[in-house]
Every structure is written in structure tokens, then in C-alpha cells.
């Protein structure tokens, strides 16, 4: 019997993890908007953004770091290294958790003293959300260890189960007429239970492991060095792709923010799904980089595969989303989100080009290089959205500014990557690589049936002739 491809297995589980929960949540979105109201729904989405931002910034990049180093230790078959990395990460998470709980207690004291930062109810919810963040660090730790073992199946089953249980509780709470306070209380309690369960599942993979407060200096330095650079990447990314939500909430109100964030969240999960298809590259490259001579072929093959899958999915989404979303949200609610979603599809057609460079360059530990690239184009995104909003203060302007920045800066990123490691034609790597994305963006913007057919064929020809060229694409690597 032929053994199933590990890459396909990991991609499938990753994809299920990324898609199942958001599909379930989005299906229930009209229910939540109707029951909570547009303002409370917008606040809920903003607080979820706060939790996401805090977890990824305060964790100091240890998630990617532990995944890479666990994979590397397994490749070297070194239990000493493996246990050292896990001990160091566990100790770090413990200190971060204590600090986060301290912040929550300080916020609670402020509420008790009657000092309102926003409103009494919202301040109380933020305290609970901060306690929730402290539990999320442990989930991030265990998920990272499992991915280092390349056990995406276990990580995904746990993550899916946990999210769907929490969502079910949220539905029950809203049905019984309760609000955001009760929603976040249930989130906190359920996440505590699920974190304990995941700890048991994770440590079963390493039965000889025992935690020790004494950690190896070398392992700790390696984790912190890698984590520092991926942490900087996370900060840059979070600021670039979350700041627009708060600009909208401050200047245009929570109701508009709710629909904008809804559109953004759908596209964000699409982007995560595109990443999930190839995210197995990260631990695999970390494990193989010492033994594989022509490792750049992994980059070229996965980039071609990733861009092809992503652009095809964006095109199909563009063709079918309008009737589906109208049925899902209703004509009135859909009209409030339609323009945002269409522009976000254009944005994602360029963002898809950045997925594989991030995974690959982190995997081969070209940390300063990829961080500088991330800083370059994401700083441009921030400047672009603020400039566009200053010129024309509408929600759409924030997205248009980001698109303009990416069109200018992604060719520069690809030029630098080519100069650093590919050494192909600069014209091919900076212009031809962009053509399929550019043609897809024209299809979405102009909304013309004949243009859609013609540009789709042209885009396919460019994609096939460049990305699927035999010298850049090795199908066997996808089926390992």
C-alpha cells in the first residue's frame, strides 16, 4: 500500500483547521448581528482583534521559534535539545502568563475603584479578555510543539474541537438573551479546560520529558534569537493589518467597523487557508536545510503551487460570492459590506505572493533578511492606508492605499529575494511574477464578463509559462 503524502496530510488538516471554524462562525454572523445589534457586534469583533494582537505581540515570537527548533532537534535526534527547547518555552510562557494576569488584576482594581476608561461594562469585558489572553499563550505553546513534530492532525483536531465548543456556548448564551460579558466569561472558562486537555495530549508525544526550571543557556539563546526576529515580523504584520480596524472604529463608528472587520476577517481566513496549504514547508525546511543541496527548488515549487491555488480560489470567490453573501446576510447587510469585500479580494491577490517567502526564509533562518523585507512592504502598507484615508476619509480608502503600496513594493521584495538566492532574470522575478495577480485585480475591479474570460486565459498563460516551468517546479516535492 502506498503511504499517503505527509505534505498532503498536513495541508489537509491545516486547511480544515483554518476553514471549519470561520465557516461556522460566518454562517452564524447574521444571527449574532440581529441578537447583539450592530454596535455590540462591532465591539465584539474589535475585542477579538485585541485578543489576537496581544497574544501575538506579547508572546515574543516563541510560537514559530519553538516549532522550528523542535523540528530541528527531531532532525538531529537529540532529546537533550528537544527537552531544552520545551523547558525554555514553558518557562517563558509561565512568566508571560503571570505578567498578563497582573495586567488583568490592575484593570480589575480600576473597575472596582469606579474609574471608567470606556464604560463600566466594556472595562469589565476587557479584564476578562485579558485573562483569556493569558490562557491563549499556553494554547500557542502546545500547538507550536505539535507542529514541530509535524503532527498537524492532532493540532488541528484539538483546535477545531475547542473553537466549535466555544462557538456553541456563544450561540446558547445569545439565545438566552445574554450579552458580551457572558460570552467572554464562557470563553475564558472553556479555554482553561481545553488548555489542560491539550497539555495532556501534547506531553504524550514526549513521554520521557519532565519539566525543569533549570534551562540550557544555549537552547534559550537560540529560541530567543529566532523568536526575536519572528516577533518583529509579527509586530510589523499586526500593525499593518489590524490598525485599519481601529481607525475605522475611531473615525467612522463601531457599526461600520463591524462590517469592515467582517469583510477583513473573511479575507484574512482566506489568506490563512492559503498559508495552511504550504505551512508544512516551515518545519520541513528547518529539518532538511543541512542535508538538501538544492533547497531553493522547494521555494520555487511551493511558490508556484501556492500562487496558483490562491489566485484560482480568489477568482472563484469573486465569481460566486455576491449571490451567496446576499442569501447569507440579506440584501441590506450585504450592501454595507460588498465594496469592502471586493477591494479586499484585490488586496489578497497581491498578498498571496508573500506567503511562501515568509515560511521559507524563516525556515532556513535568513531571519534578518525576511524581517527587513517584511518591514519594508508592511511599512509601505501602513503609510499607504493613512495617506489614502487622509485624502478621502472613507473605509474603502484604507484598502486602496494598501493595494497601491503592495503593487509598488512586492516587485522590490522579489527583486531582493532573486538577488539573494535565486539568481534568475530580474525582469522575470519582478514583473512576470506579478502579472497573474495584476490581471486578476483588473478582473475584479472592472466586473465585465468578456474581460473576465480574456484576462483569465491570459493570466493562466503567464502562470503556466513561468511558475510551472520545469526548472522552477518539481511535482515530486509536493508529494513527499
Protein backbone atom coordinates (compact mmCIF):
# COMPACT_ATOMS: atom_id res chain seq x y z
CA UNK A 1 0.00 0.00 0.00
CA UNK A 2 1.35 3.44 -0.93
CA UNK A 3 1.99 5.66 2.07
CA UNK A 4 -0.03 8.90 1.89
CA UNK A 5 1.99 12.05 1.31
CA UNK A 6 2.88 13.71 4.61
CA UNK A 7 2.69 17.11 2.92
CA UNK A 8 -0.84 16.47 1.64
CA UNK A 9 -1.91 15.14 5.04
CA UNK A 10 -0.53 18.19 6.87
CA UNK A 11 -2.00 20.58 4.31
CA UNK A 12 -5.43 18.93 4.58
CA UNK A 13 -5.52 19.11 8.37
CA UNK A 14 -4.19 22.65 8.35
CA UNK A 15 -6.83 23.69 5.85
CA UNK A 16 -9.59 22.07 7.91
CA UNK A 17 -8.36 23.89 11.00
CA UNK A 18 -8.31 27.24 9.23
CA UNK A 19 -11.67 26.90 7.43
CA UNK A 20 -14.14 24.95 9.58
CA UNK A 21 -14.47 27.40 12.45
CA UNK A 22 -14.73 30.60 10.35
CA UNK A 23 -17.29 28.94 8.08
CA UNK A 24 -19.37 28.04 11.12
CA UNK A 25 -18.93 31.50 12.65
CA UNK A 26 -19.71 33.32 9.43
CA UNK A 27 -22.83 31.20 8.91
CA UNK A 28 -23.99 32.43 12.32
CA UNK A 29 -22.98 36.07 11.76
CA UNK A 30 -26.49 37.31 10.76
CA UNK A 31 -27.83 35.64 13.93
CA UNK A 32 -25.22 37.40 16.11
CA UNK A 33 -25.78 40.79 14.42
CA UNK A 34 -29.56 40.53 14.87
CA UNK A 35 -29.35 39.42 18.51
CA UNK A 36 -26.49 41.64 19.69
CA UNK A 37 -27.09 44.64 17.43
CA UNK A 38 -24.60 46.18 15.00
CA UNK A 39 -22.79 48.24 17.68
CA UNK A 40 -22.23 45.34 20.12
CA UNK A 41 -21.27 43.06 17.24
CA UNK A 42 -18.67 45.63 16.13
CA UNK A 43 -17.34 45.89 19.69
CA UNK A 44 -17.13 42.09 19.90
CA UNK A 45 -15.08 41.96 16.71
CA UNK A 46 -12.78 44.72 17.99
CA UNK A 47 -12.18 42.92 21.31
CA UNK A 48 -11.39 39.73 19.38
CA UNK A 49 -8.83 41.80 17.46
CA UNK A 50 -7.40 42.99 20.78
CA UNK A 51 -7.01 39.37 21.97
CA UNK A 52 -5.38 38.33 18.69
CA UNK A 53 -2.98 41.29 18.69
CA UNK A 54 -1.98 40.85 22.35
CA UNK A 55 -1.32 37.10 22.03
CA UNK A 56 0.91 37.53 19.01
CA UNK A 57 2.82 40.57 20.28
CA UNK A 58 3.29 39.63 23.95
CA UNK A 59 4.36 36.04 23.10
CA UNK A 60 7.65 37.47 21.72
CA UNK A 61 7.62 35.21 18.66
CA UNK A 62 8.19 31.99 20.59
CA UNK A 63 5.47 30.11 18.60
CA UNK A 64 7.41 29.94 15.33
CA UNK A 65 10.65 29.61 17.25
CA UNK A 66 9.58 26.50 19.19
CA UNK A 67 8.16 24.89 16.02
CA UNK A 68 11.42 25.43 14.12
CA UNK A 69 13.66 24.27 16.96
CA UNK A 70 11.56 21.23 17.90
CA UNK A 71 11.71 20.17 14.23
CA UNK A 72 15.46 20.78 14.17
CA UNK A 73 16.01 18.78 17.39
CA UNK A 74 13.99 15.89 15.98
CA UNK A 75 16.06 16.05 12.79
CA UNK A 76 19.22 15.76 14.92
CA UNK A 77 17.55 13.07 17.10
CA UNK A 78 18.61 14.97 20.20
CA UNK A 79 16.34 14.56 23.25
CA UNK A 80 18.62 16.90 25.17
CA UNK A 81 18.00 19.72 22.70
CA UNK A 82 14.29 18.89 22.43
CA UNK A 83 13.74 19.00 26.19
CA UNK A 84 15.83 22.15 26.49
CA UNK A 85 13.73 23.99 23.92
CA UNK A 86 10.45 22.91 25.53
CA UNK A 87 11.67 23.80 29.03
CA UNK A 88 12.79 27.27 27.93
CA UNK A 89 9.49 27.92 26.12
CA UNK A 90 7.41 26.69 29.06
CA UNK A 91 9.32 28.91 31.45
CA UNK A 92 8.83 31.92 29.16
CA UNK A 93 5.10 31.25 28.86
CA UNK A 94 4.82 30.99 32.64
CA UNK A 95 6.37 34.43 33.13
CA UNK A 96 4.26 35.98 30.36
CA UNK A 97 1.12 34.46 31.89
CA UNK A 98 1.94 35.90 35.32
CA UNK A 99 2.52 39.33 33.78
CA UNK A 100 -0.73 39.21 31.80
CA UNK A 101 -2.73 38.19 34.87
CA UNK A 102 -1.12 41.10 36.69
CA UNK A 103 -2.37 43.49 34.00
CA UNK A 104 -5.87 41.99 34.30
CA UNK A 105 -5.82 42.41 38.10
CA UNK A 106 -4.74 46.04 37.73
CA UNK A 107 -7.62 46.59 35.29
CA UNK A 108 -9.99 44.92 37.72
CA UNK A 109 -8.83 47.24 40.52
CA UNK A 110 -9.50 50.25 38.31
CA UNK A 111 -13.05 48.99 37.65
CA UNK A 112 -13.65 48.39 41.38
CA UNK A 113 -12.49 51.94 42.17
CA UNK A 114 -15.14 53.23 39.74
CA UNK A 115 -12.70 54.73 37.23
CA UNK A 116 -14.09 54.23 33.72
CA UNK A 117 -11.75 54.15 30.73
CA UNK A 118 -14.53 53.34 28.27
CA UNK A 119 -17.67 52.25 30.15
CA UNK A 120 -18.13 50.06 33.23
CA UNK A 121 -19.40 47.07 31.23
CA UNK A 122 -16.77 47.35 28.47
CA UNK A 123 -13.96 47.77 31.01
CA UNK A 124 -15.10 44.59 32.79
CA UNK A 125 -15.18 42.71 29.48
CA UNK A 126 -11.64 43.88 28.69
CA UNK A 127 -10.45 42.48 32.04
CA UNK A 128 -11.91 39.06 31.18
CA UNK A 129 -10.48 39.29 27.65
CA UNK A 130 -7.04 39.96 29.17
CA UNK A 131 -7.34 36.85 31.36
CA UNK A 132 -8.33 34.94 28.21
CA UNK A 133 -5.10 36.13 26.56
CA UNK A 134 -3.08 34.55 29.39
CA UNK A 135 -4.65 31.15 28.57
CA UNK A 136 -4.11 31.59 24.83
CA UNK A 137 -0.34 31.64 25.39
CA UNK A 138 -0.50 28.01 26.56
CA UNK A 139 -2.55 27.02 23.55
CA UNK A 140 0.07 28.66 21.33
CA UNK A 141 2.83 26.72 23.10
CA UNK A 142 1.18 23.32 22.69
CA UNK A 143 0.17 23.98 19.08
CA UNK A 144 3.74 25.01 18.27
CA UNK A 145 5.20 21.83 19.80
CA UNK A 146 2.76 19.65 17.85
CA UNK A 147 3.64 21.42 14.59
CA UNK A 148 7.33 20.92 15.35
CA UNK A 149 6.57 17.19 15.49
CA UNK A 150 4.71 17.68 12.17
CA UNK A 151 1.56 16.39 13.89
CA UNK A 152 -0.76 18.85 12.22
CA UNK A 153 -3.56 16.29 12.51
CA UNK A 154 -3.54 16.32 16.33
CA UNK A 155 -3.07 20.11 16.47
CA UNK A 156 -5.97 20.65 14.06
CA UNK A 157 -8.39 18.20 15.73
CA UNK A 158 -7.80 19.90 19.08
CA UNK A 159 -8.07 23.42 17.66
CA UNK A 160 -11.25 22.67 15.68
CA UNK A 161 -12.93 20.96 18.64
CA UNK A 162 -12.01 23.77 21.02
CA UNK A 163 -13.25 26.53 18.72
CA UNK A 164 -16.53 24.80 17.90
CA UNK A 165 -17.28 24.12 21.59
CA UNK A 166 -16.67 27.81 22.36
CA UNK A 167 -18.86 28.84 19.42
CA UNK A 168 -21.66 26.54 20.57
CA UNK A 169 -21.54 28.12 24.02
CA UNK A 170 -21.70 31.60 22.46
CA UNK A 171 -24.81 30.66 20.49
CA UNK A 172 -26.51 29.30 23.62
CA UNK A 173 -25.63 32.46 25.57
CA UNK A 174 -27.05 34.76 22.90
CA UNK A 175 -30.22 32.64 22.55
CA UNK A 176 -30.84 33.06 26.28
CA UNK A 177 -30.66 36.83 25.87
CA UNK A 178 -27.26 37.41 27.46
CA UNK A 179 -24.51 39.63 26.01
CA UNK A 180 -20.80 40.22 25.59
CA UNK A 181 -19.91 39.89 29.28
CA UNK A 182 -21.29 36.36 29.43
CA UNK A 183 -19.73 35.48 26.07
CA UNK A 184 -16.22 36.30 27.29
CA UNK A 185 -16.74 34.60 30.67
CA UNK A 186 -17.66 31.37 28.85
CA UNK A 187 -14.66 31.83 26.50
CA UNK A 188 -12.33 32.06 29.50
CA UNK A 189 -13.68 29.02 31.35
CA UNK A 190 -13.82 26.78 28.29
CA UNK A 191 -10.33 27.77 27.16
CA UNK A 192 -8.92 26.87 30.58
CA UNK A 193 -10.43 23.39 30.33
CA UNK A 194 -9.28 22.91 26.74
CA UNK A 195 -5.73 24.09 27.54
CA UNK A 196 -5.43 21.40 30.22
CA UNK A 197 -6.67 18.74 27.77
CA UNK A 198 -4.20 19.87 25.10
CA UNK A 199 -1.34 19.75 27.62
CA UNK A 200 -2.10 16.08 28.28
CA UNK A 201 -2.31 15.32 24.54
CA UNK A 202 0.95 17.13 23.75
CA UNK A 203 3.07 15.59 26.50
CA UNK A 204 2.01 12.09 25.44
CA UNK A 205 4.18 12.64 22.35
CA UNK A 206 7.25 13.08 24.58
CA UNK A 207 6.79 10.55 27.43
CA UNK A 208 10.39 10.92 28.66
CA UNK A 209 10.05 14.69 29.08
CA UNK A 210 9.95 16.27 32.52
CA UNK A 211 9.78 19.99 33.13
CA UNK A 212 12.69 21.64 34.88
CA UNK A 213 13.11 25.27 35.90
CA UNK A 214 16.77 24.87 35.04
CA UNK A 215 17.07 25.56 31.32
CA UNK A 216 20.04 25.29 29.00
CA UNK A 217 21.66 28.63 28.19
CA UNK A 218 22.42 27.64 24.58
CA UNK A 219 18.87 26.46 23.85
CA UNK A 220 17.41 29.56 25.47
CA UNK A 221 19.62 31.84 23.38
CA UNK A 222 18.71 30.02 20.17
CA UNK A 223 14.99 30.29 20.93
CA UNK A 224 15.20 33.96 21.84
CA UNK A 225 17.33 34.84 18.83
CA UNK A 226 14.91 33.20 16.40
CA UNK A 227 11.89 34.40 18.39
CA UNK A 228 13.12 37.99 18.41
CA UNK A 229 13.15 38.23 14.62
CA UNK A 230 9.82 36.44 14.13
CA UNK A 231 8.41 38.65 16.92
CA UNK A 232 9.46 41.75 14.98
CA UNK A 233 7.78 40.28 11.91
CA UNK A 234 4.61 39.71 13.95
CA UNK A 235 4.56 43.27 15.29
CA UNK A 236 5.04 44.66 11.80
CA UNK A 237 2.28 42.40 10.44
CA UNK A 238 -0.19 43.10 13.25
CA UNK A 239 0.27 46.86 12.99
CA UNK A 240 -0.02 46.78 9.19
CA UNK A 241 -3.15 44.60 9.03
CA UNK A 242 -5.01 45.47 12.23
CA UNK A 243 -4.57 49.22 12.56
CA UNK A 244 -7.18 49.98 9.87
CA UNK A 245 -9.86 48.36 12.06
CA UNK A 246 -9.22 50.79 14.87
CA UNK A 247 -9.00 53.77 12.50
CA UNK A 248 -12.50 52.88 11.27
CA UNK A 249 -13.86 52.38 14.79
CA UNK A 250 -12.48 55.74 15.97
CA UNK A 251 -13.40 57.87 12.97
CA UNK A 252 -16.41 56.09 11.43
CA UNK A 253 -18.01 54.25 14.38
CA UNK A 254 -18.42 50.64 15.57
CA UNK A 255 -21.31 49.79 13.22
CA UNK A 256 -19.25 50.49 10.07
CA UNK A 257 -16.25 48.85 11.78
CA UNK A 258 -18.30 45.68 12.26
CA UNK A 259 -18.98 45.24 8.53
CA UNK A 260 -15.44 46.29 7.57
CA UNK A 261 -13.93 43.82 10.06
CA UNK A 262 -16.31 41.12 8.87
CA UNK A 263 -15.07 41.52 5.29
CA UNK A 264 -11.48 41.74 6.50
CA UNK A 265 -11.89 38.63 8.67
CA UNK A 266 -13.18 36.56 5.74
CA UNK A 267 -10.21 37.59 3.59
CA UNK A 268 -7.82 37.08 6.49
CA UNK A 269 -9.03 33.50 6.86
CA UNK A 270 -8.68 33.00 3.12
CA UNK A 271 -5.07 34.17 3.44
CA UNK A 272 -4.54 31.85 6.41
CA UNK A 273 -6.04 28.99 4.38
CA UNK A 274 -3.63 29.71 1.52
CA UNK A 275 -0.82 29.67 4.06
CA UNK A 276 -2.12 26.45 5.61
CA UNK A 277 -1.75 24.65 2.28
CA UNK A 278 2.02 25.22 2.33
CA UNK A 279 2.81 25.87 6.02
CA UNK A 280 4.32 22.38 6.33
CA UNK A 281 7.26 23.93 4.45
CA UNK A 282 8.38 25.72 7.63
CA UNK A 283 9.28 22.74 9.88
CA UNK A 284 10.34 20.63 6.87
CA UNK A 285 12.86 23.23 5.69
CA UNK A 286 14.09 23.69 9.27
CA UNK A 287 14.74 19.93 9.41
CA UNK A 288 16.19 19.48 5.90
CA UNK A 289 18.25 22.60 5.37
CA UNK A 290 21.50 20.90 6.44
CA UNK A 291 21.15 17.86 4.15
CA UNK A 292 19.41 19.01 0.95
CA UNK A 293 21.76 20.63 -1.59
CA UNK A 294 19.33 22.37 -3.96
CA UNK A 295 16.91 23.58 -1.32
CA UNK A 296 15.86 26.64 -3.38
CA UNK A 297 13.74 24.32 -5.54
CA UNK A 298 11.44 23.93 -2.50
CA UNK A 299 10.92 27.69 -2.56
CA UNK A 300 10.22 27.83 -6.29
CA UNK A 301 7.92 24.80 -6.35
CA UNK A 302 5.90 25.85 -3.34
CA UNK A 303 5.66 29.43 -4.53
CA UNK A 304 4.26 28.30 -7.86
CA UNK A 305 1.82 25.92 -6.20
CA UNK A 306 0.74 28.46 -3.57
CA UNK A 307 0.18 31.31 -6.02
CA UNK A 308 -1.75 29.07 -8.43
CA UNK A 309 -4.08 27.73 -5.74
CA UNK A 310 -4.55 31.17 -4.17
CA UNK A 311 -5.35 33.08 -7.35
CA UNK A 312 -7.71 30.37 -8.59
CA UNK A 313 -9.56 30.42 -5.26
CA UNK A 314 -9.80 34.23 -5.34
CA UNK A 315 -11.21 34.13 -8.89
CA UNK A 316 -13.84 31.53 -7.95
CA UNK A 317 -14.75 33.52 -4.83
CA UNK A 318 -15.19 36.66 -6.92
CA UNK A 319 -17.47 34.84 -9.38
CA UNK A 320 -19.80 33.33 -6.76
CA UNK A 321 -19.69 35.49 -3.62
CA UNK A 322 -22.42 38.03 -4.47
CA UNK A 323 -25.47 35.68 -4.58
CA UNK A 324 -24.10 33.59 -1.70
CA UNK A 325 -23.44 36.59 0.54
CA UNK A 326 -26.80 38.15 -0.33
CA UNK A 327 -28.54 34.95 0.73
CA UNK A 328 -26.36 34.71 3.84
CA UNK A 329 -26.58 38.30 5.14
CA UNK A 330 -29.62 39.62 3.36
CA UNK A 331 -29.51 42.34 0.69
CA UNK A 332 -29.34 45.26 3.14
CA UNK A 333 -26.48 43.95 5.28
CA UNK A 334 -24.59 42.66 2.23
CA UNK A 335 -24.73 46.11 0.61
CA UNK A 336 -22.89 47.51 3.66
CA UNK A 337 -20.03 45.07 3.18
CA UNK A 338 -19.87 44.46 -0.59
CA UNK A 339 -17.40 47.16 -1.64
CA UNK A 340 -15.04 46.36 1.22
CA UNK A 341 -15.02 42.67 0.35
CA UNK A 342 -14.36 43.27 -3.35
CA UNK A 343 -11.39 45.52 -2.58
CA UNK A 344 -10.06 43.01 -0.05
CA UNK A 345 -10.13 40.35 -2.80
CA UNK A 346 -7.92 42.63 -4.91
CA UNK A 347 -5.61 43.11 -1.91
CA UNK A 348 -5.35 39.36 -1.35
CA UNK A 349 -4.40 38.76 -4.99
CA UNK A 350 -1.14 40.55 -4.14
CA UNK A 351 -0.81 39.34 -0.56
CA UNK A 352 -0.74 35.75 -1.83
CA UNK A 353 2.70 36.50 -3.30
CA UNK A 354 4.15 36.98 0.20
CA UNK A 355 3.18 33.63 1.74
CA UNK A 356 5.98 31.28 0.68
CA UNK A 357 8.85 33.79 1.10
CA UNK A 358 7.88 34.21 4.76
CA UNK A 359 7.72 30.46 5.50
CA UNK A 360 10.82 29.56 3.51
CA UNK A 361 13.18 32.32 4.64
CA UNK A 362 12.25 31.76 8.29
CA UNK A 363 12.75 28.01 7.80
CA UNK A 364 16.31 28.47 6.51
CA UNK A 365 16.96 31.04 9.27
CA UNK A 366 17.50 34.01 6.97
CA UNK A 367 15.86 35.97 9.76
CA UNK A 368 17.30 39.46 9.32
CA UNK A 369 16.68 39.33 5.58
CA UNK A 370 13.00 38.32 5.74
CA UNK A 371 12.36 40.72 8.64
CA UNK A 372 13.78 43.60 6.62
CA UNK A 373 11.57 42.63 3.66
CA UNK A 374 8.51 42.42 5.89
CA UNK A 375 9.35 45.79 7.42
CA UNK A 376 9.78 47.37 4.01
CA UNK A 377 6.50 46.43 2.39
CA UNK A 378 4.34 46.49 5.51
CA UNK A 379 5.59 49.93 6.47
CA UNK A 380 4.59 50.92 2.95
CA UNK A 381 1.13 49.42 3.58
CA UNK A 382 0.72 51.50 6.76
CA UNK A 383 1.81 54.70 5.00
CA UNK A 384 -0.43 53.88 2.05
CA UNK A 385 -3.59 53.39 4.11
CA UNK A 386 -3.04 56.56 6.15
CA UNK A 387 -2.29 58.69 3.08
CA UNK A 388 -5.34 57.37 1.23
CA UNK A 389 -7.59 57.92 4.29
CA UNK A 390 -6.25 61.47 4.74
CA UNK A 391 -7.08 62.26 1.11
CA UNK A 392 -10.53 60.65 1.18
CA UNK A 393 -11.72 59.61 4.70
CA UNK A 394 -13.79 56.56 3.76
CA UNK A 395 -13.34 52.91 4.72
CA UNK A 396 -12.63 51.96 1.11
CA UNK A 397 -9.64 54.33 1.03
CA UNK A 398 -7.83 52.29 3.68
CA UNK A 399 -7.90 49.23 1.42
CA UNK A 400 -7.00 51.14 -1.76
CA UNK A 401 -3.96 52.61 -0.01
CA UNK A 402 -2.76 49.13 0.95
CA UNK A 403 -3.23 47.82 -2.60
CA UNK A 404 -1.22 50.71 -4.08
CA UNK A 405 1.63 50.07 -1.63
CA UNK A 406 1.80 46.35 -2.47
CA UNK A 407 1.83 46.96 -6.23
CA UNK A 408 4.90 49.14 -5.76
CA UNK A 409 6.76 47.17 -3.09
CA UNK A 410 6.24 43.46 -3.81
CA UNK A 411 8.32 43.65 -7.04
CA UNK A 412 11.10 45.19 -4.94
CA UNK A 413 10.80 42.32 -2.43
CA UNK A 414 11.01 39.74 -5.22
CA UNK A 415 13.97 41.54 -6.80
CA UNK A 416 15.88 41.34 -3.50
CA UNK A 417 14.97 37.66 -2.99
CA UNK A 418 16.16 36.89 -6.51
CA UNK A 419 19.44 38.72 -5.93
CA UNK A 420 19.95 36.92 -2.61
CA UNK A 421 19.30 33.30 -3.54
CA UNK A 422 17.54 32.54 -6.87
CA UNK A 423 19.82 34.41 -9.34
CA UNK A 424 17.30 34.29 -12.19
CA UNK A 425 16.34 37.08 -14.62
CA UNK A 426 15.44 40.18 -12.61
CA UNK A 427 12.70 41.01 -15.12
CA UNK A 428 11.07 37.61 -14.72
CA UNK A 429 11.26 37.73 -10.93
CA UNK A 430 9.89 41.26 -10.55
CA UNK A 431 7.48 41.72 -13.47
CA UNK A 432 6.33 38.34 -14.79
CA UNK A 433 5.73 37.05 -11.26
CA UNK A 434 3.27 39.91 -10.70
CA UNK A 435 1.33 39.62 -13.96
CA UNK A 436 -1.25 36.95 -12.90
CA UNK A 437 -2.10 38.91 -9.74
CA UNK A 438 -2.36 42.17 -11.68
CA UNK A 439 -4.66 40.65 -14.29
CA UNK A 440 -6.86 39.14 -11.56
CA UNK A 441 -7.16 42.52 -9.87
CA UNK A 442 -8.34 44.03 -13.18
CA UNK A 443 -10.98 41.28 -13.47
CA UNK A 444 -12.36 42.11 -10.02
CA UNK A 445 -12.29 45.89 -10.48
CA UNK A 446 -13.94 46.10 -13.91
CA UNK A 447 -16.60 43.37 -13.45
CA UNK A 448 -17.04 42.60 -17.15
CA UNK A 449 -17.86 39.09 -18.36
CA UNK A 450 -15.85 39.24 -21.60
CA UNK A 451 -12.91 40.88 -19.85
CA UNK A 452 -13.05 38.20 -17.15
CA UNK A 453 -12.76 35.41 -19.73
CA UNK A 454 -9.99 37.09 -21.73
CA UNK A 455 -7.86 38.14 -18.76
CA UNK A 456 -8.33 34.76 -17.06
CA UNK A 457 -6.90 32.97 -20.12
CA UNK A 458 -4.03 35.48 -20.35
CA UNK A 459 -3.27 35.11 -16.65
CA UNK A 460 -3.25 31.30 -16.98
CA UNK A 461 -0.75 31.51 -19.87
CA UNK A 462 1.60 33.73 -17.87
CA UNK A 463 1.27 31.49 -14.81
CA UNK A 464 1.89 28.27 -16.73
CA UNK A 465 4.86 29.57 -18.72
CA UNK A 466 6.66 30.98 -15.69
CA UNK A 467 5.62 29.30 -12.44
CA UNK A 468 5.15 25.78 -13.84
CA UNK A 469 8.33 25.83 -15.90
CA UNK A 470 10.24 22.57 -15.26
CA UNK A 471 13.33 24.34 -13.96
CA UNK A 472 11.21 26.01 -11.27
CA UNK A 473 8.63 23.36 -10.42
CA UNK A 474 9.17 19.80 -9.14
CA UNK A 475 5.88 17.95 -8.55
CA UNK A 476 7.66 15.24 -6.53
CA UNK A 477 8.39 17.72 -3.73
CA UNK A 478 4.66 18.25 -3.19
CA UNK A 479 4.10 14.51 -2.78
CA UNK A 480 6.87 13.67 -0.32
